[in-house]
Amino acid sequence: MAETKRIMISLPDSLLEEIDGIVSIEKRNRSEFIREAMKLYIRERRKVQLREELKSGYREMANLNLVLSEVGYEADYKALCEYEDNLTGCEKL
C-alpha cells in the first residue's frame, strides 16, 4: 500500500454508530471503511463528471449536426430546383 497519513475527522454520533455497526458486521476497522467510502465517492464523482462532459459533447454535436443538415438541405433543395426548373420552372429560395 502507498504511504498513508493519519488524519482526524469529526462525525455526528448517529453516523459513527452506523459506521461502527457496518464495520462490526464486515469484520473491518473504521479506517478501512472510511478509505473504501472515499474511494467509492471519488469513483462516483468521476462518473458524474464524465456523464456531464458527454451530455455537453452530445449537445454540441447535435447543434453542429443541425447546422450541417440545414446546409445540406439547402444545397439539395437548390439542386432540385435547378433540375425542376429545367423541367417545369420551380421557385428558387
Protein backbone atom coordinates (compact mmCIF):
# COMPACT_ATOMS: atom_id res chain seq x y z
CA MET A 1 0.00 0.00 0.00
CA ALA A 2 1.12 3.55 -0.67
CA GLU A 3 2.32 5.75 2.14
CA THR A 4 -0.51 6.63 4.49
CA LYS A 5 -1.14 9.74 6.56
CA ARG A 6 -3.15 9.91 9.72
CA ILE A 7 -5.98 12.44 9.72
CA MET A 8 -8.66 13.35 12.19
CA ILE A 9 -12.29 13.76 11.14
CA SER A 10 -15.43 14.74 13.00
CA LEU A 11 -18.65 12.79 12.51
CA PRO A 12 -22.09 13.08 14.04
CA ASP A 13 -22.78 10.36 16.64
CA SER A 14 -25.53 8.81 14.53
CA LEU A 15 -23.23 8.41 11.52
CA LEU A 16 -20.43 6.96 13.63
CA GLU A 17 -22.84 4.45 15.18
CA GLU A 18 -23.97 3.38 11.72
CA ILE A 19 -20.36 3.01 10.54
CA ASP A 20 -19.44 1.03 13.66
CA GLY A 21 -22.37 -1.30 13.00
CA ILE A 22 -21.22 -1.92 9.44
CA VAL A 23 -17.55 -2.45 10.30
CA SER A 24 -18.57 -4.86 13.05
CA ILE A 25 -20.65 -6.93 10.63
CA GLU A 26 -17.99 -6.85 7.91
CA LYS A 27 -15.11 -7.52 10.35
CA ARG A 28 -13.23 -4.42 9.24
CA ASN A 29 -11.98 -1.33 11.01
CA ARG A 30 -13.04 2.28 10.70
CA SER A 31 -10.00 3.27 8.65
CA GLU A 32 -10.66 0.58 6.04
CA PHE A 33 -14.30 1.59 5.89
CA ILE A 34 -13.54 5.31 5.51
CA ARG A 35 -10.85 4.63 2.86
CA GLU A 36 -13.27 2.49 0.86
CA ALA A 37 -16.07 5.06 1.24
CA MET A 38 -13.77 7.83 -0.02
CA LYS A 39 -12.64 5.76 -3.00
CA LEU A 40 -16.27 4.98 -3.85
CA TYR A 41 -17.20 8.67 -3.59
CA ILE A 42 -14.33 9.70 -5.86
CA ARG A 43 -15.23 6.99 -8.40
CA GLU A 44 -18.89 8.05 -8.44
CA ARG A 45 -17.95 11.72 -8.71
CA ARG A 46 -15.79 10.96 -11.74
CA LYS A 47 -18.71 9.09 -13.33
CA VAL A 48 -20.99 12.09 -12.81
CA GLN A 49 -18.38 14.44 -14.28
CA LEU A 50 -17.91 12.16 -17.28
CA ARG A 51 -21.68 11.98 -17.85
CA GLU A 52 -21.87 15.77 -17.77
CA GLU A 53 -18.99 16.06 -20.25
CA LEU A 54 -20.67 13.52 -22.53
CA LYS A 55 -24.00 15.37 -22.33
CA SER A 56 -22.26 18.61 -23.21
CA GLY A 57 -20.47 16.95 -26.12
CA TYR A 58 -23.70 15.39 -27.40
CA ARG A 59 -25.46 18.78 -27.23
CA GLU A 60 -22.59 20.40 -29.11
CA MET A 61 -22.65 17.67 -31.76
CA ALA A 62 -26.45 17.94 -32.06
CA ASN A 63 -26.14 21.66 -32.80
CA LEU A 64 -23.38 21.03 -35.31
CA ASN A 65 -25.39 18.25 -36.98
CA LEU A 66 -28.40 20.57 -37.22
CA VAL A 67 -26.33 23.25 -38.95
CA LEU A 68 -24.81 20.69 -41.32
CA SER A 69 -28.20 19.18 -42.14
CA GLU A 70 -29.64 22.64 -42.87
CA VAL A 71 -26.71 23.42 -45.19
CA GLY A 72 -27.16 20.04 -46.87
CA TYR A 73 -30.91 20.56 -47.19
CA GLU A 74 -30.43 23.97 -48.78
CA ALA A 75 -27.90 22.56 -51.24
CA ASP A 76 -30.20 19.64 -52.09
CA TYR A 77 -33.20 21.95 -52.48
CA LYS A 78 -31.21 24.29 -54.70
CA ALA A 79 -30.08 21.37 -56.85
CA LEU A 80 -33.66 20.05 -57.03
CA CYS A 81 -34.96 23.47 -58.02
CA GLU A 82 -32.37 23.80 -60.76
CA TYR A 83 -33.30 20.35 -62.02
CA GLU A 84 -37.06 21.03 -61.87
CA ASP A 85 -36.56 24.49 -63.32
CA ASN A 86 -35.22 22.82 -66.38
CA LEU A 87 -38.42 20.78 -66.46
CA THR A 88 -41.20 22.97 -65.04
CA GLY A 89 -39.96 26.30 -63.59
CA CYS A 90 -39.70 25.58 -59.79
CA GLU A 91 -39.43 28.60 -57.41
CA LYS A 92 -35.96 29.19 -56.06
CA LEU A 93 -35.04 30.01 -52.42
